[in-house]
Structure formats: C-alpha cells, structure tokens
C-alpha cells in the first residue's frame, strides 16, 4: 500500500564489505566469525544513520542487501543478521520505491517479513503461530520480553508494509488480526522504543484502514500524539505520517501544509544518528506538499 512505514536506519555496502573481508582471515572458528560479522553489520548501519546523501544510500543499499543475504546464508540462525536483513529490505522499499508501485515493493517486504519471522523463531515457529488461532497467538506472544522489542518491532513494520501492498488479497487481509495483536504486545513491552515508533506504527495502522476493517482516526490521533510526546520532535517522519494519514483523512488542508512545512524547516541533522531517517522524512514531506492540491481537490 501507499501506507508504509519508513523508520529504519539504512546502511550501505562499501564499508561493510571492506571491514568484513579484511577481518575474515583473522577469525578461525565459525561462532566467533558469526558474532564479529553481526557486530560489523550493526556498526555499518549506525554509521549510515548519519548519512545525508540519499544518492549514496540508494545506490549502495542493493549491494549491502546482497552482502547481508550472503551472510545469512552462512549464518542462518543469527538473529542480528536476520534483523539487519529485515531492516535493509524494508528500508529500501519504503525509502526508494514510489508509493504507487506496490508491485515492486511487495517482494522486498515479503523477504523482510520472512527474515523477521525467522529471527523470532528461536523458541518456536513464529510463522506457524501467527497463522494459527488468534487467542493461541496472543498467548504465544506472551513469551517475548522487553529485550525482544527490536526484533518484534522491525518484524511488525515489515509485515504491515507487506500486507499494505496486497489490499485485494484475502489471505494478506486475514493477517490483520494477528498483526494488530503483535503491535499491541510491542506497545505493552516498550512503547518508547525508537522514539515512540510503536505508537507511530499503530497510528498509521488505524488511520490507513477503512472503518469497516477497524480503522479509527480518533484512536489513530491519540497514538500519533503519544508518539510525538515520546519522540520529543526528534523523529521527523512522525509528523510526515501524521499529515499523510491523519490530516488527509480528516481533510485539514491548512494543518497538513503547516505540519509539512515545519518538517522542511527542521534540520535533518538536529540529532546526528537520525540524519538519514530525517533526510528521508524531509524528502517525503516535499513530495506530499508538491501533491497537496491533488490530495485536497475535493476539500473546500
């Protein structure tokens, strides 16, 4: 769908490749290599989060994705690598594939979801639980703790984005109750994660769905406001999605414009480790403003 979440840190290939290849000959046993490689991927992602050049990120990410795929092939049970893959695929799709081309984004989100499900399957098969009885799945989710929130969150985000790309697919729509249960569990465990992003995810989920499927703009607004409070204005995408999903839905043209102009007037590097995320958010805000008259053509 066009309703996609873009909250991930992207990373790029050249530094990762040089560091990993240089270190490879120094790590004689596979368990040690696994830990070192996972840490290297995390370090690259952290460095890339300070990147403001979207061209560098866009052109480098596909090669980085191939690198992570290869590492997962070698270390298939490493949770850090699986979540890195989940984030990388989701990030590329949400950041660089236009909202009106869900067919191109769907296979990327599908792979992201698969990696996320695998990362959450160290105790039991997450995919099997998610596709089973809803009450049983809620019980299954109770085994996860606060320390599991990163894996839970990035998986939920990828899963939601995949479902959004398949609005006419009955099977995908059938995932919504389990997906919502997962999002609620994340909120219970740590609603402050990544600057309040669990509330942002739930807000978009509620604002994007039609009322007949459980959409609720009023509840969505409450989650947006909680995300703003927890994020302290640091994560600009929160305001962008507030405009895109809530303000468009309620037809508030003036606040839509004001909110996005505020985003554009905020430096992307106000928080160094959010430079990339905020650069992407500013670009999305610019595109939304450029199309404002189309969005509100029937609004007085």
Protein backbone atom coordinates (compact mmCIF):
# COMPACT_ATOMS: atom_id res chain seq x y z
CA UNK A 1 0.00 0.00 0.00
CA UNK A 2 0.91 3.60 0.00
CA UNK A 3 0.66 3.40 3.76
CA UNK A 4 4.16 2.31 4.55
CA UNK A 5 6.37 2.88 7.49
CA UNK A 6 9.83 4.27 6.89
CA UNK A 7 11.60 4.30 10.29
CA UNK A 8 14.63 2.10 9.65
CA UNK A 9 18.28 3.00 9.52
CA UNK A 10 19.65 2.21 6.09
CA UNK A 11 23.18 1.05 5.57
CA UNK A 12 25.47 0.84 2.56
CA UNK A 13 27.86 -1.73 1.14
CA UNK A 14 31.42 -0.44 0.63
CA UNK A 15 32.49 -0.02 4.25
CA UNK A 16 30.79 -3.24 5.33
CA UNK A 17 32.48 -5.21 2.58
CA UNK A 18 35.94 -3.85 3.28
CA UNK A 19 35.71 -4.39 7.03
CA UNK A 20 34.24 -7.88 6.83
CA UNK A 21 36.60 -9.10 4.13
CA UNK A 22 39.60 -7.67 5.96
CA UNK A 23 38.55 -9.34 9.20
CA UNK A 24 37.63 -12.69 7.66
CA UNK A 25 41.10 -14.20 7.70
CA UNK A 26 41.57 -13.36 11.37
CA UNK A 27 38.58 -15.35 12.65
CA UNK A 28 39.31 -19.07 12.52
CA UNK A 29 36.16 -20.50 14.07
CA UNK A 30 32.64 -20.01 12.84
CA UNK A 31 30.99 -18.98 16.16
CA UNK A 32 33.49 -16.15 16.58
CA UNK A 33 33.02 -15.08 12.97
CA UNK A 34 29.27 -15.01 13.48
CA UNK A 35 29.44 -12.55 16.36
CA UNK A 36 32.05 -10.37 14.69
CA UNK A 37 30.18 -10.19 11.40
CA UNK A 38 26.89 -9.34 13.12
CA UNK A 39 28.56 -6.56 15.06
CA UNK A 40 30.18 -5.21 11.90
CA UNK A 41 26.82 -5.02 10.14
CA UNK A 42 25.37 -3.18 13.12
CA UNK A 43 28.28 -0.74 13.12
CA UNK A 44 27.82 -0.02 9.42
CA UNK A 45 24.12 0.64 9.97
CA UNK A 46 24.96 3.02 12.81
CA UNK A 47 27.44 4.89 10.63
CA UNK A 48 24.99 5.06 7.75
CA UNK A 49 22.33 6.54 10.01
CA UNK A 50 24.41 9.75 9.96
CA UNK A 51 24.45 9.87 6.15
CA UNK A 52 22.61 12.72 4.43
CA UNK A 53 23.39 11.86 0.81
CA UNK A 54 20.41 9.84 -0.39
CA UNK A 55 22.07 9.02 -3.70
CA UNK A 56 24.90 7.24 -1.88
CA UNK A 57 22.40 5.27 0.18
CA UNK A 58 20.12 4.44 -2.74
CA UNK A 59 22.94 3.17 -4.92
CA UNK A 60 24.77 1.36 -2.13
CA UNK A 61 21.88 -0.40 -0.42
CA UNK A 62 21.26 -3.12 -3.05
CA UNK A 63 24.85 -4.30 -2.74
CA UNK A 64 24.58 -4.18 1.04
CA UNK A 65 21.42 -6.28 0.84
CA UNK A 66 23.24 -8.88 -1.24
CA UNK A 67 26.03 -8.92 1.33
CA UNK A 68 23.60 -9.48 4.20
CA UNK A 69 21.81 -12.20 2.22
CA UNK A 70 25.14 -13.97 1.81
CA UNK A 71 25.95 -13.66 5.49
CA UNK A 72 22.55 -15.07 6.41
CA UNK A 73 23.20 -17.96 4.06
CA UNK A 74 26.39 -18.66 6.02
CA UNK A 75 24.89 -17.99 9.47
CA UNK A 76 21.17 -18.77 9.05
CA UNK A 77 20.25 -18.60 12.73
CA UNK A 78 21.95 -15.34 13.65
CA UNK A 79 19.20 -13.01 14.89
CA UNK A 80 21.24 -9.84 14.41
CA UNK A 81 21.87 -10.66 10.76
CA UNK A 82 18.25 -11.66 10.19
CA UNK A 83 17.00 -8.37 11.60
CA UNK A 84 19.62 -6.46 9.62
CA UNK A 85 18.21 -8.13 6.51
CA UNK A 86 14.66 -7.35 7.58
CA UNK A 87 15.55 -3.68 8.05
CA UNK A 88 17.55 -3.43 4.83
CA UNK A 89 14.83 -4.82 2.59
CA UNK A 90 12.12 -2.76 4.29
CA UNK A 91 14.23 0.38 4.22
CA UNK A 92 14.96 0.18 0.54
CA UNK A 93 11.32 -0.44 -0.34
CA UNK A 94 9.88 2.29 1.86
CA UNK A 95 12.51 4.89 1.01
CA UNK A 96 13.12 4.43 -2.70
CA UNK A 97 10.13 2.71 -4.31
CA UNK A 98 7.25 5.11 -5.08
CA UNK A 99 4.07 4.63 -3.08
CA UNK A 100 2.10 4.00 -6.28
CA UNK A 101 4.23 0.97 -7.25
CA UNK A 102 3.30 -1.65 -4.62
CA UNK A 103 4.05 -4.46 -7.05
CA UNK A 104 7.74 -3.58 -6.93
CA UNK A 105 7.77 -3.17 -3.17
CA UNK A 106 5.85 -6.35 -2.31
CA UNK A 107 8.66 -8.90 -2.87
CA UNK A 108 11.05 -6.76 -0.82
CA UNK A 109 8.65 -6.53 2.09
CA UNK A 110 7.91 -10.25 1.75
CA UNK A 111 11.60 -11.04 2.18
CA UNK A 112 11.85 -8.60 5.08
CA UNK A 113 8.89 -10.30 6.75
CA UNK A 114 10.42 -13.73 6.22
CA UNK A 115 13.69 -12.67 7.84
CA UNK A 116 11.80 -11.12 10.74
CA UNK A 117 9.72 -14.25 11.31
CA UNK A 118 12.89 -16.34 11.31
CA UNK A 119 14.54 -14.02 13.83
CA UNK A 120 11.57 -14.53 16.16
CA UNK A 121 11.57 -18.32 15.82
CA UNK A 122 14.40 -19.24 18.17
CA UNK A 123 11.90 -20.52 20.74
CA UNK A 124 9.20 -21.84 18.41
CA UNK A 125 7.93 -21.35 14.87
CA UNK A 126 6.64 -17.77 14.76
CA UNK A 127 5.10 -18.15 11.31
CA UNK A 128 3.08 -21.19 12.34
CA UNK A 129 1.86 -19.42 15.48
CA UNK A 130 0.91 -16.27 13.56
CA UNK A 131 -1.16 -18.24 11.05
CA UNK A 132 -3.00 -20.24 13.70
CA UNK A 133 -5.72 -19.46 16.23
CA UNK A 134 -5.66 -15.80 17.29
CA UNK A 135 -6.02 -16.46 21.02
CA UNK A 136 -3.24 -19.03 20.84
CA UNK A 137 -1.06 -16.49 19.04
CA UNK A 138 -1.67 -13.91 21.76
CA UNK A 139 -0.56 -16.50 24.31
CA UNK A 140 2.46 -17.26 22.14
CA UNK A 141 3.40 -13.56 22.15
CA UNK A 142 3.46 -13.52 25.95
CA UNK A 143 6.79 -15.37 25.87
CA UNK A 144 8.54 -12.32 24.45
CA UNK A 145 10.05 -9.73 26.77
CA UNK A 146 11.24 -6.14 26.55
CA UNK A 147 14.64 -7.26 25.26
CA UNK A 148 12.87 -8.74 22.22
CA UNK A 149 11.22 -5.47 21.20
CA UNK A 150 13.67 -4.58 18.39
CA UNK A 151 13.04 -7.88 16.60
CA UNK A 152 9.30 -7.65 17.27
CA UNK A 153 9.05 -4.07 16.06
CA UNK A 154 11.00 -4.37 12.82
CA UNK A 155 9.13 -7.58 12.01
CA UNK A 156 5.76 -5.94 12.64
CA UNK A 157 6.73 -2.99 10.47
CA UNK A 158 7.78 -5.25 7.57
CA UNK A 159 4.68 -7.39 7.98
CA UNK A 160 2.37 -4.35 7.95
CA UNK A 161 4.08 -2.98 4.86
CA UNK A 162 3.74 -6.32 3.07
CA UNK A 163 0.03 -6.55 3.86
CA UNK A 164 -0.38 -2.96 2.67
CA UNK A 165 1.00 -3.92 -0.75
CA UNK A 166 -1.75 -6.54 -1.19
CA UNK A 167 -5.06 -4.77 -0.48
CA UNK A 168 -7.10 -7.21 -2.59
CA UNK A 169 -5.51 -10.36 -1.24
CA UNK A 170 -7.85 -12.18 1.14
CA UNK A 171 -5.02 -14.14 2.74
CA UNK A 172 -2.99 -10.98 3.39
CA UNK A 173 -6.02 -9.22 4.85
CA UNK A 174 -6.51 -12.25 7.06
CA UNK A 175 -3.18 -11.43 8.71
CA UNK A 176 -4.50 -8.17 10.15
CA UNK A 177 -5.81 -9.51 13.50
CA UNK A 178 -2.53 -11.29 14.25
CA UNK A 179 -0.55 -8.27 13.11
CA UNK A 180 -2.54 -5.99 15.40
CA UNK A 181 -2.00 -8.41 18.29
CA UNK A 182 1.74 -8.22 17.67
CA UNK A 183 1.67 -4.43 17.62
CA UNK A 184 -0.27 -4.34 20.88
CA UNK A 185 2.26 -6.66 22.51
CA UNK A 186 5.06 -4.32 21.45
CA UNK A 187 3.21 -1.38 22.99
CA UNK A 188 2.85 -3.34 26.23
CA UNK A 189 6.53 -4.20 26.35
CA UNK A 190 8.11 -0.85 25.41
CA UNK A 191 6.06 1.88 23.79
CA UNK A 192 9.04 4.27 23.88
CA UNK A 193 11.20 2.16 21.53
CA UNK A 194 12.92 4.12 18.75
CA UNK A 195 11.46 7.49 19.79
CA UNK A 196 7.91 6.19 20.26
CA UNK A 197 7.75 4.29 16.99
CA UNK A 198 5.39 1.56 18.29
CA UNK A 199 2.74 4.27 18.67
CA UNK A 200 3.53 5.60 15.21
CA UNK A 201 3.12 2.13 13.73
CA UNK A 202 -0.24 1.67 15.44
CA UNK A 203 -1.35 5.18 14.45
CA UNK A 204 -0.73 4.54 10.76
CA UNK A 205 -2.35 1.11 11.06
CA UNK A 206 -5.54 2.64 12.48
CA UNK A 207 -5.59 5.68 10.21
CA UNK A 208 -4.92 3.77 6.99
CA UNK A 209 -7.59 1.09 7.41
CA UNK A 210 -11.17 1.81 6.32
CA UNK A 211 -13.70 1.95 9.15
CA UNK A 212 -15.29 -1.33 8.06
CA UNK A 213 -11.96 -3.06 8.73
CA UNK A 214 -11.39 -1.43 12.10
CA UNK A 215 -9.91 1.89 11.07
CA UNK A 216 -10.31 4.55 13.73
CA UNK A 217 -8.99 8.10 13.08
CA UNK A 218 -9.70 9.24 16.64
CA UNK A 219 -7.63 6.44 18.16
CA UNK A 220 -5.01 6.98 15.48
CA UNK A 221 -4.67 10.60 16.56
CA UNK A 222 -4.13 9.51 20.17
CA UNK A 223 -1.28 7.25 19.10
CA UNK A 224 0.23 9.99 16.92
CA UNK A 225 0.17 12.37 19.87
CA UNK A 226 1.81 9.81 22.13
CA UNK A 227 4.49 9.23 19.50
CA UNK A 228 5.13 12.99 19.36
CA UNK A 229 5.44 13.12 23.14
CA UNK A 230 7.85 10.20 23.38
CA UNK A 231 9.85 11.31 20.36
CA UNK A 232 10.27 14.89 21.50
CA UNK A 233 10.25 16.13 17.91
CA UNK A 234 13.42 14.22 17.07
CA UNK A 235 11.95 11.81 14.51
CA UNK A 236 10.52 13.90 11.67
CA UNK A 237 8.75 11.00 9.98
CA UNK A 238 6.21 11.06 12.81
CA UNK A 239 4.96 14.45 11.61
CA UNK A 240 5.10 13.38 7.99
CA UNK A 241 2.88 10.37 8.60
CA UNK A 242 0.55 12.44 10.77
CA UNK A 243 -0.01 14.68 7.76
CA UNK A 244 -0.12 11.87 5.22
CA UNK A 245 -2.51 9.55 7.02
CA UNK A 246 -4.45 11.51 9.62
CA UNK A 247 -4.69 15.08 8.30
CA UNK A 248 -5.51 13.91 4.79
CA UNK A 249 -8.19 11.61 6.19
CA UNK A 250 -9.88 14.40 8.13
CA UNK A 251 -9.43 16.95 5.33
CA UNK A 252 -7.38 19.50 7.28
CA UNK A 253 -5.56 21.21 4.40
CA UNK A 254 -4.11 24.07 6.44
CA UNK A 255 -2.61 21.92 9.18
CA UNK A 256 -1.37 19.48 6.53
CA UNK A 257 0.60 22.28 4.90
CA UNK A 258 1.82 23.76 8.18
CA UNK A 259 2.96 20.39 9.53
CA UNK A 260 4.97 19.51 6.45
CA UNK A 261 6.48 22.98 6.17
CA UNK A 262 7.61 22.62 9.78
CA UNK A 263 9.33 19.36 8.83
CA UNK A 264 11.10 21.06 5.92
CA UNK A 265 12.24 23.87 8.19
CA UNK A 266 13.82 21.45 10.67
CA UNK A 267 17.47 20.50 10.03
CA UNK A 268 17.83 16.81 9.19
CA UNK A 269 20.95 16.58 11.35
CA UNK A 270 19.45 18.03 14.53
CA UNK A 271 20.05 14.57 16.01
CA UNK A 272 23.17 13.14 14.29
CA UNK A 273 22.15 9.49 14.48
CA UNK A 274 18.79 10.36 12.88
CA UNK A 275 20.26 12.32 9.97
CA UNK A 276 19.41 9.69 7.37
CA UNK A 277 15.93 8.98 8.72
CA UNK A 278 15.16 12.70 8.86
CA UNK A 279 16.60 13.37 5.41
CA UNK A 280 14.24 10.73 4.03
CA UNK A 281 11.36 12.24 6.02
CA UNK A 282 12.06 15.71 4.59
CA UNK A 283 12.06 14.30 1.06
CA UNK A 284 8.71 12.62 1.70
CA UNK A 285 7.34 15.88 3.12
CA UNK A 286 8.43 17.73 -0.01
CA UNK A 287 6.68 15.23 -2.27
CA UNK A 288 3.49 15.40 -0.21
CA UNK A 289 3.44 19.19 -0.42
CA UNK A 290 4.00 19.05 -4.17
CA UNK A 291 0.86 16.90 -4.48
CA UNK A 292 -1.26 18.71 -1.91
CA UNK A 293 -3.78 20.07 -4.40
CA UNK A 294 -4.43 16.56 -5.69
CA UNK A 295 -4.98 15.22 -2.18
CA UNK A 296 -7.39 18.00 -1.24
CA UNK A 297 -9.05 18.68 -4.61
CA UNK A 298 -12.50 17.94 -3.16
CA UNK A 299 -11.88 19.80 0.09
CA UNK A 300 -13.37 23.32 0.34
